[in-house]
Amino acid sequence: FQTLHDCFQRANDPWWRSVLLAAIGLTRQDAALEFLLDLVSTESLHAEAAIEALLGSMPSLEIIQRLEKSVAGNPRLARVLADQQKTTRS
């Protein structure tokens, strides 16, 4: 996770950053999931990609519940989460 995080911090290309976020999610390490949840809860510019990365990591019910709570006050992110959940179920 730390190596991917360091690369993410240095990356300038939005596409590359989204790839790194997906890779971070796939590590399924606690620190990685916390980092992604933090991007969502702080409504970072990368919140949408973090939601996608979290859902792509086959998250536990606890992580999904925390994610839902994080987006509850933001209609845009709540819509992104709902759309991504539909996509991952298909």
Protein backbone atom coordinates (compact mmCIF):
# COMPACT_ATOMS: atom_id res chain seq x y z
CA PHE A 1 0.00 0.00 0.00
CA GLN A 2 2.67 2.49 0.95
CA THR A 3 4.42 2.24 -2.41
CA LEU A 4 1.15 2.72 -4.28
CA HIS A 5 0.23 5.61 -1.99
CA ASP A 6 3.56 7.29 -2.63
CA CYS A 7 3.06 6.91 -6.40
CA PHE A 8 -0.45 8.34 -6.05
CA GLN A 9 0.88 11.39 -4.20
CA ARG A 10 3.40 12.09 -6.98
CA ALA A 11 1.11 11.33 -9.94
CA ASN A 12 -0.35 14.18 -11.98
CA ASP A 13 -2.34 12.29 -14.60
CA PRO A 14 -5.98 11.77 -13.49
CA TRP A 15 -6.25 8.45 -15.33
CA TRP A 16 -3.07 7.13 -13.68
CA ARG A 17 -4.32 8.28 -10.29
CA SER A 18 -7.55 6.31 -10.80
CA VAL A 19 -5.50 3.22 -11.73
CA LEU A 20 -3.43 3.65 -8.57
CA LEU A 21 -6.58 4.01 -6.46
CA ALA A 22 -7.93 0.76 -7.93
CA ALA A 23 -4.64 -0.97 -7.12
CA ILE A 24 -4.72 0.47 -3.60
CA GLY A 25 -8.21 -0.97 -3.11
CA LEU A 26 -7.15 -4.36 -4.39
CA THR A 27 -4.50 -4.64 -1.67
CA ARG A 28 -7.41 -4.91 0.79
CA GLN A 29 -5.07 -3.75 3.53
CA ASP A 30 -6.71 -1.87 6.38
CA ALA A 31 -4.56 1.22 5.79
CA ALA A 32 -5.49 1.20 2.10
CA LEU A 33 -9.21 0.95 2.78
CA GLU A 34 -8.97 3.70 5.39
CA PHE A 35 -7.15 5.92 2.88
CA LEU A 36 -9.89 5.38 0.29
CA LEU A 37 -12.66 5.96 2.84
CA ASP A 38 -10.92 9.17 3.88
CA LEU A 39 -10.88 10.40 0.27
CA VAL A 40 -14.64 9.86 0.17
CA SER A 41 -15.48 11.32 3.56
CA THR A 42 -13.43 14.47 2.91
CA GLU A 43 -15.09 14.81 -0.51
CA SER A 44 -11.69 14.82 -2.19
CA LEU A 45 -11.41 15.47 -5.91
CA HIS A 46 -10.72 11.73 -6.11
CA ALA A 47 -13.79 10.66 -4.11
CA GLU A 48 -15.58 9.15 -7.10
CA ALA A 49 -12.55 7.07 -8.10
CA ALA A 50 -12.13 6.03 -4.45
CA ILE A 51 -15.73 4.79 -4.37
CA GLU A 52 -15.10 2.74 -7.50
CA ALA A 53 -11.85 1.39 -6.02
CA LEU A 54 -13.56 0.41 -2.78
CA LEU A 55 -16.39 -1.40 -4.51
CA GLY A 56 -13.93 -3.14 -6.83
CA SER A 57 -12.10 -4.55 -3.82
CA MET A 58 -15.01 -6.81 -2.84
CA PRO A 59 -15.48 -4.93 0.45
CA SER A 60 -16.90 -6.34 3.63
CA LEU A 61 -20.37 -5.32 4.78
CA GLU A 62 -18.73 -3.06 7.37
CA ILE A 63 -16.79 -1.17 4.69
CA ILE A 64 -19.93 -0.79 2.55
CA GLN A 65 -21.84 0.57 5.54
CA ARG A 66 -19.06 3.04 6.31
CA LEU A 67 -19.00 4.09 2.68
CA GLU A 68 -22.77 4.61 2.65
CA LYS A 69 -22.51 6.71 5.80
CA SER A 70 -19.70 8.79 4.27
CA VAL A 71 -21.75 9.72 1.21
CA ALA A 72 -25.09 10.21 2.98
CA GLY A 73 -24.73 13.99 3.16
CA ASN A 74 -23.54 14.41 -0.42
CA PRO A 75 -26.17 13.75 -3.12
CA ARG A 76 -23.58 13.60 -5.92
CA LEU A 77 -21.42 10.99 -4.16
CA ALA A 78 -24.51 9.05 -3.01
CA ARG A 79 -25.59 8.86 -6.67
CA VAL A 80 -22.11 7.72 -7.71
CA LEU A 81 -22.19 5.02 -5.04
CA ALA A 82 -25.65 3.83 -6.11
CA ASP A 83 -24.62 3.75 -9.77
CA GLN A 84 -21.40 1.88 -8.99
CA GLN A 85 -23.25 -0.64 -6.84
CA LYS A 86 -25.64 -1.35 -9.73
CA THR A 87 -22.66 -1.80 -12.06
CA THR A 88 -20.80 -4.16 -9.73
CA ARG A 89 -23.90 -6.33 -9.21
CA SER A 90 -24.38 -6.83 -12.96
